All heavy atoms as atom14 arrays in JSON, in Angstrom:
{
  "sequence": "PMMFLSGSFTPPESMSTWMRYASLLSPMRYYIDFGFQVLFKGNGF",
  "atom14_mask": [
    [1, 1, 1, 1, 1, 1, 1, 0, 0, 0, 0, 0, 0, 0],
    [1, 1, 1, 1, 1, 1, 1, 1, 0, 0, 0, 0, 0, 0],
    [1, 1, 1, 1, 1, 1, 1, 1, 0, 0, 0, 0, 0, 0],
    [1, 1, 1, 1, 1, 1, 1, 1, 1, 1, 1, 0, 0, 0],
    [1, 1, 1, 1, 1, 1, 1, 1, 0, 0, 0, 0, 0, 0],
    [1, 1, 1, 1, 1, 1, 0, 0, 0, 0, 0, 0, 0, 0],
    [1, 1, 1, 1, 0, 0, 0, 0, 0, 0, 0, 0, 0, 0],
    [1, 1, 1, 1, 1, 1, 0, 0, 0, 0, 0, 0, 0, 0],
    [1, 1, 1, 1, 1, 1, 1, 1, 1, 1, 1, 0, 0, 0],
    [1, 1, 1, 1, 1, 1, 1, 0, 0, 0, 0, 0, 0, 0],
    [1, 1, 1, 1, 1, 1, 1, 0, 0, 0, 0, 0, 0, 0],
    [1, 1, 1, 1, 1, 1, 1, 0, 0, 0, 0, 0, 0, 0],
    [1, 1, 1, 1, 1, 1, 1, 1, 1, 0, 0, 0, 0, 0],
    [1, 1, 1, 1, 1, 1, 0, 0, 0, 0, 0, 0, 0, 0],
    [1, 1, 1, 1, 1, 1, 1, 1, 0, 0, 0, 0, 0, 0],
    [1, 1, 1, 1, 1, 1, 0, 0, 0, 0, 0, 0, 0, 0],
    [1, 1, 1, 1, 1, 1, 1, 0, 0, 0, 0, 0, 0, 0],
    [1, 1, 1, 1, 1, 1, 1, 1, 1, 1, 1, 1, 1, 1],
    [1, 1, 1, 1, 1, 1, 1, 1, 0, 0, 0, 0, 0, 0],
    [1, 1, 1, 1, 1, 1, 1, 1, 1, 1, 1, 0, 0, 0],
    [1, 1, 1, 1, 1, 1, 1, 1, 1, 1, 1, 1, 0, 0],
    [1, 1, 1, 1, 1, 0, 0, 0, 0, 0, 0, 0, 0, 0],
    [1, 1, 1, 1, 1, 1, 0, 0, 0, 0, 0, 0, 0, 0],
    [1, 1, 1, 1, 1, 1, 1, 1, 0, 0, 0, 0, 0, 0],
    [1, 1, 1, 1, 1, 1, 1, 1, 0, 0, 0, 0, 0, 0],
    [1, 1, 1, 1, 1, 1, 0, 0, 0, 0, 0, 0, 0, 0],
    [1, 1, 1, 1, 1, 1, 1, 0, 0, 0, 0, 0, 0, 0],
    [1, 1, 1, 1, 1, 1, 1, 1, 0, 0, 0, 0, 0, 0],
    [1, 1, 1, 1, 1, 1, 1, 1, 1, 1, 1, 0, 0, 0],
    [1, 1, 1, 1, 1, 1, 1, 1, 1, 1, 1, 1, 0, 0],
    [1, 1, 1, 1, 1, 1, 1, 1, 1, 1, 1, 1, 0, 0],
    [1, 1, 1, 1, 1, 1, 1, 1, 0, 0, 0, 0, 0, 0],
    [1, 1, 1, 1, 1, 1, 1, 1, 0, 0, 0, 0, 0, 0],
    [1, 1, 1, 1, 1, 1, 1, 1, 1, 1, 1, 0, 0, 0],
    [1, 1, 1, 1, 0, 0, 0, 0, 0, 0, 0, 0, 0, 0],
    [1, 1, 1, 1, 1, 1, 1, 1, 1, 1, 1, 0, 0, 0],
    [1, 1, 1, 1, 1, 1, 1, 1, 1, 0, 0, 0, 0, 0],
    [1, 1, 1, 1, 1, 1, 1, 0, 0, 0, 0, 0, 0, 0],
    [1, 1, 1, 1, 1, 1, 1, 1, 0, 0, 0, 0, 0, 0],
    [1, 1, 1, 1, 1, 1, 1, 1, 1, 1, 1, 0, 0, 0],
    [1, 1, 1, 1, 1, 1, 1, 1, 1, 0, 0, 0, 0, 0],
    [1, 1, 1, 1, 0, 0, 0, 0, 0, 0, 0, 0, 0, 0],
    [1, 1, 1, 1, 1, 1, 1, 1, 0, 0, 0, 0, 0, 0],
    [1, 1, 1, 1, 0, 0, 0, 0, 0, 0, 0, 0, 0, 0],
    [1, 1, 1, 1, 1, 1, 1, 1, 1, 1, 1, 0, 0, 0]
  ],
  "atom14_positions": [
    [[122.12, 260.32, -38.14], [123.13, 261.09, -38.88], [124.3, 260.23, -39.34], [124.81, 260.42, -40.46], [123.58, 262.14, -37.84], [122.41, 262.3, -36.94], [121.81, 260.94, -36.84], [0.0, 0.0, 0.0], [0.0, 0.0, 0.0], [0.0, 0.0, 0.0], [0.0, 0.0, 0.0], [0.0, 0.0, 0.0], [0.0, 0.0, 0.0], [0.0, 0.0, 0.0]],
    [[124.73, 259.29, -38.51], [125.79, 258.38, -38.92], [125.37, 257.56, -40.14], [126.16, 257.34, -41.07], [126.14, 257.43, -37.76], [126.92, 258.07, -36.64], [127.07, 256.98, -35.18], [127.66, 255.48, -35.94], [0.0, 0.0, 0.0], [0.0, 0.0, 0.0], [0.0, 0.0, 0.0], [0.0, 0.0, 0.0], [0.0, 0.0, 0.0], [0.0, 0.0, 0.0]],
    [[124.12, 257.14, -40.16], [123.6, 256.33, -41.26], [123.53, 257.14, -42.55], [123.92, 256.66, -43.62], [122.22, 255.79, -40.89], [121.67, 254.73, -41.84], [120.03, 254.17, -41.33], [120.4, 253.5, -39.71], [0.0, 0.0, 0.0], [0.0, 0.0, 0.0], [0.0, 0.0, 0.0], [0.0, 0.0, 0.0], [0.0, 0.0, 0.0], [0.0, 0.0, 0.0]],
    [[123.03, 258.39, -42.45], [122.91, 259.23, -43.64], [124.27, 259.59, -44.22], [124.41, 259.78, -45.43], [122.13, 260.5, -43.31], [120.69, 260.24, -42.94], [120.06, 260.97, -41.94], [119.96, 259.24, -43.57], [118.75, 260.72, -41.59], [118.64, 258.99, -43.23], [118.03, 259.73, -42.24], [0.0, 0.0, 0.0], [0.0, 0.0, 0.0], [0.0, 0.0, 0.0]],
    [[125.28, 259.7, -43.34], [126.62, 260.06, -43.79], [127.46, 258.85, -44.17], [128.61, 259.0, -44.58], [127.36, 260.84, -42.68], [126.83, 262.24, -42.36], [127.5, 262.79, -41.12], [127.03, 263.17, -43.54], [0.0, 0.0, 0.0], [0.0, 0.0, 0.0], [0.0, 0.0, 0.0], [0.0, 0.0, 0.0], [0.0, 0.0, 0.0], [0.0, 0.0, 0.0]],
    [[126.9, 257.66, -44.01], [127.69, 256.44, -44.24], [127.87, 256.1, -45.7], [128.71, 255.26, -46.04], [127.02, 255.26, -43.52], [125.76, 254.96, -44.14], [0.0, 0.0, 0.0], [0.0, 0.0, 0.0], [0.0, 0.0, 0.0], [0.0, 0.0, 0.0], [0.0, 0.0, 0.0], [0.0, 0.0, 0.0], [0.0, 0.0, 0.0], [0.0, 0.0, 0.0]],
    [[127.08, 256.71, -46.58], [127.14, 256.36, -47.99], [126.25, 255.2, -48.36], [126.29, 254.72, -49.49], [0.0, 0.0, 0.0], [0.0, 0.0, 0.0], [0.0, 0.0, 0.0], [0.0, 0.0, 0.0], [0.0, 0.0, 0.0], [0.0, 0.0, 0.0], [0.0, 0.0, 0.0], [0.0, 0.0, 0.0], [0.0, 0.0, 0.0], [0.0, 0.0, 0.0]],
    [[125.42, 254.74, -47.42], [124.54, 253.6, -47.71], [123.4, 253.98, -48.64], [122.94, 253.14, -49.42], [123.98, 253.04, -46.4], [123.3, 254.04, -45.66], [0.0, 0.0, 0.0], [0.0, 0.0, 0.0], [0.0, 0.0, 0.0], [0.0, 0.0, 0.0], [0.0, 0.0, 0.0], [0.0, 0.0, 0.0], [0.0, 0.0, 0.0], [0.0, 0.0, 0.0]],
    [[122.93, 255.22, -48.56], [121.83, 255.67, -49.42], [122.34, 256.54, -50.57], [121.83, 256.45, -51.68], [120.8, 256.45, -48.6], [120.18, 255.65, -47.5], [120.58, 255.82, -46.17], [119.22, 254.69, -47.76], [120.02, 255.08, -45.15], [118.66, 253.94, -46.76], [119.06, 254.13, -45.44], [0.0, 0.0, 0.0], [0.0, 0.0, 0.0], [0.0, 0.0, 0.0]],
    [[123.32, 257.37, -50.28], [123.91, 258.24, -51.29], [125.42, 258.08, -51.25], [126.02, 258.26, -50.19], [123.55, 259.72, -51.03], [122.14, 259.86, -51.01], [124.12, 260.61, -52.13], [0.0, 0.0, 0.0], [0.0, 0.0, 0.0], [0.0, 0.0, 0.0], [0.0, 0.0, 0.0], [0.0, 0.0, 0.0], [0.0, 0.0, 0.0], [0.0, 0.0, 0.0]],
    [[126.06, 257.74, -52.35], [127.52, 257.6, -52.34], [128.19, 258.91, -51.9], [127.7, 259.99, -52.26], [127.85, 257.28, -53.8], [126.59, 256.74, -54.38], [125.47, 257.43, -53.67], [0.0, 0.0, 0.0], [0.0, 0.0, 0.0], [0.0, 0.0, 0.0], [0.0, 0.0, 0.0], [0.0, 0.0, 0.0], [0.0, 0.0, 0.0], [0.0, 0.0, 0.0]],
    [[129.25, 258.84, -51.13], [129.93, 260.07, -50.69], [130.34, 260.97, -51.85], [130.37, 262.2, -51.71], [131.17, 259.53, -49.94], [130.77, 258.16, -49.48], [129.86, 257.64, -50.56], [0.0, 0.0, 0.0], [0.0, 0.0, 0.0], [0.0, 0.0, 0.0], [0.0, 0.0, 0.0], [0.0, 0.0, 0.0], [0.0, 0.0, 0.0], [0.0, 0.0, 0.0]],
    [[130.64, 260.37, -53.01], [131.04, 261.17, -54.16], [129.91, 262.06, -54.66], [130.17, 263.08, -55.32], [131.49, 260.25, -55.3], [132.75, 259.45, -55.02], [132.5, 258.25, -54.13], [131.31, 257.89, -53.93], [133.47, 257.66, -53.63], [0.0, 0.0, 0.0], [0.0, 0.0, 0.0], [0.0, 0.0, 0.0], [0.0, 0.0, 0.0], [0.0, 0.0, 0.0]],
    [[128.66, 261.7, -54.35], [127.51, 262.5, -54.79], [127.11, 263.56, -53.78], [126.2, 264.35, -54.05], [126.31, 261.57, -55.07], [126.62, 260.61, -56.05], [0.0, 0.0, 0.0], [0.0, 0.0, 0.0], [0.0, 0.0, 0.0], [0.0, 0.0, 0.0], [0.0, 0.0, 0.0], [0.0, 0.0, 0.0], [0.0, 0.0, 0.0], [0.0, 0.0, 0.0]],
    [[127.75, 263.56, -52.61], [127.42, 264.55, -51.58], [128.15, 265.86, -51.85], [129.11, 265.92, -52.62], [127.83, 264.02, -50.19], [127.15, 262.74, -49.76], [127.74, 262.19, -48.14], [126.86, 260.65, -47.96], [0.0, 0.0, 0.0], [0.0, 0.0, 0.0], [0.0, 0.0, 0.0], [0.0, 0.0, 0.0], [0.0, 0.0, 0.0], [0.0, 0.0, 0.0]],
    [[127.68, 266.92, -51.21], [128.39, 268.2, -51.29], [129.75, 268.05, -50.6], [129.98, 267.1, -49.85], [127.58, 269.31, -50.62], [127.33, 268.99, -49.25], [0.0, 0.0, 0.0], [0.0, 0.0, 0.0], [0.0, 0.0, 0.0], [0.0, 0.0, 0.0], [0.0, 0.0, 0.0], [0.0, 0.0, 0.0], [0.0, 0.0, 0.0], [0.0, 0.0, 0.0]],
    [[130.63, 269.01, -50.86], [132.01, 268.87, -50.4], [132.1, 268.71, -48.89], [132.77, 267.8, -48.37], [132.83, 270.08, -50.85], [132.76, 270.2, -52.27], [134.3, 269.92, -50.44], [0.0, 0.0, 0.0], [0.0, 0.0, 0.0], [0.0, 0.0, 0.0], [0.0, 0.0, 0.0], [0.0, 0.0, 0.0], [0.0, 0.0, 0.0], [0.0, 0.0, 0.0]],
    [[131.39, 269.58, -48.15], [131.51, 269.53, -46.69], [130.85, 268.28, -46.12], [131.33, 267.72, -45.13], [130.93, 270.79, -46.05], [129.43, 270.87, -46.03], [128.61, 271.39, -46.98], [128.57, 270.39, -44.98], [127.29, 271.27, -46.61], [127.24, 270.67, -45.39], [128.78, 269.77, -43.75], [126.14, 270.34, -44.6], [127.68, 269.44, -42.98], [126.38, 269.73, -43.4]],
    [[129.78, 267.81, -46.78], [129.15, 266.57, -46.33], [130.04, 265.36, -46.6], [130.07, 264.41, -45.82], [127.81, 266.38, -47.04], [126.74, 267.37, -46.62], [126.08, 267.0, -44.99], [125.04, 265.61, -45.37], [0.0, 0.0, 0.0], [0.0, 0.0, 0.0], [0.0, 0.0, 0.0], [0.0, 0.0, 0.0], [0.0, 0.0, 0.0], [0.0, 0.0, 0.0]],
    [[130.78, 265.42, -47.7], [131.68, 264.33, -48.02], [132.78, 264.21, -46.97], [133.15, 263.1, -46.56], [132.29, 264.56, -49.4], [133.09, 263.38, -49.91], [133.31, 263.46, -51.42], [133.99, 264.66, -51.84], [133.44, 265.64, -52.53], [132.15, 265.56, -52.85], [134.12, 266.69, -52.88], [0.0, 0.0, 0.0], [0.0, 0.0, 0.0], [0.0, 0.0, 0.0]],
    [[133.29, 265.35, -46.51], [134.29, 265.32, -45.45], [133.65, 264.93, -44.11], [134.27, 264.24, -43.29], [134.98, 266.68, -45.33], [135.97, 266.94, -46.44], [135.75, 267.96, -47.37], [137.11, 266.17, -46.58], [136.65, 268.19, -48.4], [138.02, 266.4, -47.6], [137.78, 267.41, -48.51], [138.68, 267.62, -49.52], [0.0, 0.0, 0.0], [0.0, 0.0, 0.0]],
    [[132.4, 265.36, -43.9], [131.71, 264.99, -42.65], [131.45, 263.49, -42.59], [131.41, 262.91, -41.49], [130.4, 265.76, -42.54], [0.0, 0.0, 0.0], [0.0, 0.0, 0.0], [0.0, 0.0, 0.0], [0.0, 0.0, 0.0], [0.0, 0.0, 0.0], [0.0, 0.0, 0.0], [0.0, 0.0, 0.0], [0.0, 0.0, 0.0], [0.0, 0.0, 0.0]],
    [[131.3, 262.86, -43.74], [131.05, 261.41, -43.75], [132.23, 260.63, -43.2], [132.08, 259.48, -42.77], [130.72, 260.94, -45.16], [131.86, 261.01, -46.01], [0.0, 0.0, 0.0], [0.0, 0.0, 0.0], [0.0, 0.0, 0.0], [0.0, 0.0, 0.0], [0.0, 0.0, 0.0], [0.0, 0.0, 0.0], [0.0, 0.0, 0.0], [0.0, 0.0, 0.0]],
    [[133.42, 261.24, -43.21], [134.6, 260.57, -42.64], [134.48, 260.42, -41.13], [135.24, 259.66, -40.52], [135.86, 261.36, -42.99], [136.2, 261.47, -44.49], [137.38, 262.4, -44.69], [136.49, 260.1, -45.09], [0.0, 0.0, 0.0], [0.0, 0.0, 0.0], [0.0, 0.0, 0.0], [0.0, 0.0, 0.0], [0.0, 0.0, 0.0], [0.0, 0.0, 0.0]],
    [[133.53, 261.15, -40.52], [133.32, 261.06, -39.08], [132.3, 260.0, -38.7], [131.95, 259.87, -37.54], [132.87, 262.43, -38.54], [133.83, 263.6, -38.78], [133.23, 264.9, -38.26], [135.18, 263.33, -38.13], [0.0, 0.0, 0.0], [0.0, 0.0, 0.0], [0.0, 0.0, 0.0], [0.0, 0.0, 0.0], [0.0, 0.0, 0.0], [0.0, 0.0, 0.0]],
    [[131.81, 259.27, -39.69], [130.82, 258.22, -39.42], [131.5, 256.85, -39.45], [131.96, 256.41, -40.52], [129.7, 258.26, -40.46], [128.85, 257.14, -40.34], [0.0, 0.0, 0.0], [0.0, 0.0, 0.0], [0.0, 0.0, 0.0], [0.0, 0.0, 0.0], [0.0, 0.0, 0.0], [0.0, 0.0, 0.0], [0.0, 0.0, 0.0], [0.0, 0.0, 0.0]],
    [[131.57, 256.15, -38.32], [132.17, 254.79, -38.35], [131.39, 253.82, -39.22], [131.95, 252.83, -39.71], [132.16, 254.38, -36.88], [131.17, 255.26, -36.21], [131.16, 256.55, -36.97], [0.0, 0.0, 0.0], [0.0, 0.0, 0.0], [0.0, 0.0, 0.0], [0.0, 0.0, 0.0], [0.0, 0.0, 0.0], [0.0, 0.0, 0.0], [0.0, 0.0, 0.0]],
    [[130.1, 254.12, -39.44], [129.3, 253.25, -40.31], [129.82, 253.26, -41.73], [129.69, 252.26, -42.45], [127.83, 253.69, -40.29], [127.07, 253.31, -39.04], [125.3, 253.68, -39.19], [124.81, 252.46, -40.41], [0.0, 0.0, 0.0], [0.0, 0.0, 0.0], [0.0, 0.0, 0.0], [0.0, 0.0, 0.0], [0.0, 0.0, 0.0], [0.0, 0.0, 0.0]],
    [[130.37, 254.39, -42.17], [130.91, 254.46, -43.53], [131.99, 253.41, -43.73], [132.02, 252.71, -44.74], [131.46, 255.86, -43.82], [132.24, 255.93, -45.14], [132.71, 257.3, -45.49], [133.54, 257.27, -46.69], [133.98, 258.34, -47.33], [133.7, 259.54, -46.88], [134.71, 258.22, -48.43], [0.0, 0.0, 0.0], [0.0, 0.0, 0.0], [0.0, 0.0, 0.0]],
    [[132.87, 253.28, -42.76], [133.98, 252.34, -42.88], [133.47, 250.9, -42.76], [133.94, 250.01, -43.49], [135.01, 252.63, -41.79], [135.53, 254.04, -41.83], [135.07, 254.99, -40.91], [136.46, 254.44, -42.78], [135.54, 256.29, -40.94], [136.94, 255.74, -42.81], [136.47, 256.67, -41.9], [136.93, 257.95, -41.94], [0.0, 0.0, 0.0], [0.0, 0.0, 0.0]],
    [[132.5, 250.67, -41.88], [132.03, 249.3, -41.69], [131.2, 248.82, -42.88], [131.34, 247.66, -43.31], [131.19, 249.2, -40.41], [130.71, 247.8, -40.13], [131.61, 246.78, -39.85], [129.36, 247.47, -40.18], [131.19, 245.48, -39.61], [128.93, 246.18, -39.94], [129.85, 245.19, -39.66], [129.42, 243.91, -39.44], [0.0, 0.0, 0.0], [0.0, 0.0, 0.0]],
    [[130.34, 249.67, -43.42], [129.53, 249.26, -44.57], [130.42, 249.0, -45.78], [130.23, 248.01, -46.5], [128.47, 250.34, -44.87], [127.4, 250.33, -43.78], [127.84, 250.13, -46.24], [126.38, 251.43, -43.91], [0.0, 0.0, 0.0], [0.0, 0.0, 0.0], [0.0, 0.0, 0.0], [0.0, 0.0, 0.0], [0.0, 0.0, 0.0], [0.0, 0.0, 0.0]],
    [[131.41, 249.87, -46.0], [132.32, 249.65, -47.11], [133.1, 248.36, -46.9], [133.28, 247.56, -47.84], [133.28, 250.84, -47.23], [134.18, 250.73, -48.45], [133.64, 250.62, -49.57], [135.41, 250.73, -48.3], [0.0, 0.0, 0.0], [0.0, 0.0, 0.0], [0.0, 0.0, 0.0], [0.0, 0.0, 0.0], [0.0, 0.0, 0.0], [0.0, 0.0, 0.0]],
    [[133.54, 248.11, -45.68], [134.25, 246.87, -45.36], [133.36, 245.66, -45.61], [133.79, 244.66, -46.21], [134.71, 246.9, -43.9], [135.07, 245.56, -43.34], [136.32, 245.0, -43.6], [134.17, 244.84, -42.56], [136.65, 243.75, -43.1], [134.5, 243.6, -42.06], [135.74, 243.05, -42.33], [0.0, 0.0, 0.0], [0.0, 0.0, 0.0], [0.0, 0.0, 0.0]],
    [[132.11, 245.72, -45.15], [131.19, 244.59, -45.29], [130.93, 244.22, -46.74], [130.98, 243.04, -47.12], [0.0, 0.0, 0.0], [0.0, 0.0, 0.0], [0.0, 0.0, 0.0], [0.0, 0.0, 0.0], [0.0, 0.0, 0.0], [0.0, 0.0, 0.0], [0.0, 0.0, 0.0], [0.0, 0.0, 0.0], [0.0, 0.0, 0.0], [0.0, 0.0, 0.0]],
    [[130.66, 245.22, -47.58], [130.41, 244.94, -48.99], [131.67, 244.44, -49.7], [131.61, 243.56, -50.57], [129.87, 246.19, -49.7], [128.4, 246.39, -49.51], [127.92, 247.51, -48.84], [127.49, 245.48, -49.99], [126.56, 247.7, -48.65], [126.13, 245.67, -49.82], [125.67, 246.78, -49.15], [0.0, 0.0, 0.0], [0.0, 0.0, 0.0], [0.0, 0.0, 0.0]],
    [[132.82, 245.02, -49.33], [134.07, 244.6, -49.96], [134.37, 243.13, -49.66], [134.78, 242.37, -50.54], [135.23, 245.48, -49.45], [135.19, 246.91, -49.94], [135.88, 247.07, -51.28], [136.49, 246.15, -51.8], [135.78, 248.25, -51.84], [0.0, 0.0, 0.0], [0.0, 0.0, 0.0], [0.0, 0.0, 0.0], [0.0, 0.0, 0.0], [0.0, 0.0, 0.0]],
    [[134.15, 242.72, -48.41], [134.51, 241.36, -48.0], [133.45, 240.35, -48.42], [133.75, 239.34, -49.08], [134.75, 241.3, -46.48], [134.98, 239.85, -46.03], [135.96, 242.15, -46.1], [0.0, 0.0, 0.0], [0.0, 0.0, 0.0], [0.0, 0.0, 0.0], [0.0, 0.0, 0.0], [0.0, 0.0, 0.0], [0.0, 0.0, 0.0], [0.0, 0.0, 0.0]],
    [[132.18, 240.6, -48.05], [131.13, 239.61, -48.3], [130.68, 239.59, -49.75], [130.42, 238.52, -50.32], [129.94, 239.89, -47.39], [130.16, 239.64, -45.9], [128.88, 239.96, -45.12], [130.6, 238.22, -45.62], [0.0, 0.0, 0.0], [0.0, 0.0, 0.0], [0.0, 0.0, 0.0], [0.0, 0.0, 0.0], [0.0, 0.0, 0.0], [0.0, 0.0, 0.0]],
    [[130.56, 240.75, -50.37], [130.01, 240.83, -51.72], [131.08, 240.61, -52.78], [130.85, 239.93, -53.79], [129.36, 242.21, -51.91], [128.07, 242.16, -52.67], [127.07, 241.27, -52.32], [127.84, 243.02, -53.73], [125.87, 241.23, -53.02], [126.66, 242.99, -54.43], [125.67, 242.09, -54.08], [0.0, 0.0, 0.0], [0.0, 0.0, 0.0], [0.0, 0.0, 0.0]],
    [[132.27, 241.18, -52.56], [133.32, 241.1, -53.57], [134.38, 240.05, -53.26], [135.18, 239.72, -54.13], [133.99, 242.48, -53.74], [133.05, 243.56, -54.23], [133.79, 244.88, -54.43], [132.87, 245.95, -54.96], [133.58, 247.24, -55.17], [0.0, 0.0, 0.0], [0.0, 0.0, 0.0], [0.0, 0.0, 0.0], [0.0, 0.0, 0.0], [0.0, 0.0, 0.0]],
    [[134.43, 239.6, -52.01], [135.43, 238.61, -51.64], [136.83, 239.17, -51.5], [137.81, 238.44, -51.63], [0.0, 0.0, 0.0], [0.0, 0.0, 0.0], [0.0, 0.0, 0.0], [0.0, 0.0, 0.0], [0.0, 0.0, 0.0], [0.0, 0.0, 0.0], [0.0, 0.0, 0.0], [0.0, 0.0, 0.0], [0.0, 0.0, 0.0], [0.0, 0.0, 0.0]],
    [[136.95, 240.48, -51.23], [138.26, 241.11, -51.11], [138.91, 240.77, -49.77], [138.23, 240.5, -48.78], [138.15, 242.62, -51.25], [137.85, 243.03, -52.69], [138.13, 242.29, -53.62], [137.27, 244.21, -52.87], [0.0, 0.0, 0.0], [0.0, 0.0, 0.0], [0.0, 0.0, 0.0], [0.0, 0.0, 0.0], [0.0, 0.0, 0.0], [0.0, 0.0, 0.0]],
    [[140.23, 240.85, -49.75], [140.98, 240.56, -48.54], [141.49, 241.81, -47.87], [141.07, 242.94, -48.18], [0.0, 0.0, 0.0], [0.0, 0.0, 0.0], [0.0, 0.0, 0.0], [0.0, 0.0, 0.0], [0.0, 0.0, 0.0], [0.0, 0.0, 0.0], [0.0, 0.0, 0.0], [0.0, 0.0, 0.0], [0.0, 0.0, 0.0], [0.0, 0.0, 0.0]],
    [[142.41, 241.62, -46.94], [142.9, 242.7, -46.09], [143.5, 243.84, -46.88], [143.34, 245.0, -46.53], [143.94, 242.15, -45.1], [144.52, 243.19, -44.19], [143.83, 243.61, -43.06], [145.76, 243.76, -44.46], [144.36, 244.59, -42.23], [146.3, 244.72, -43.64], [145.59, 245.14, -42.51], [0.0, 0.0, 0.0], [0.0, 0.0, 0.0], [0.0, 0.0, 0.0]]
  ]
}
């Protein structure tokens, strides 16, 4: 469930409203977004 709500397969913007809010309860959402931002885009703090 954490993986499905993380936005890795479906962006949170494409989820239904309650699922989009439920995705905020997945720590994977924050880590995956952090990983792509830092490693893929080279973004900083």
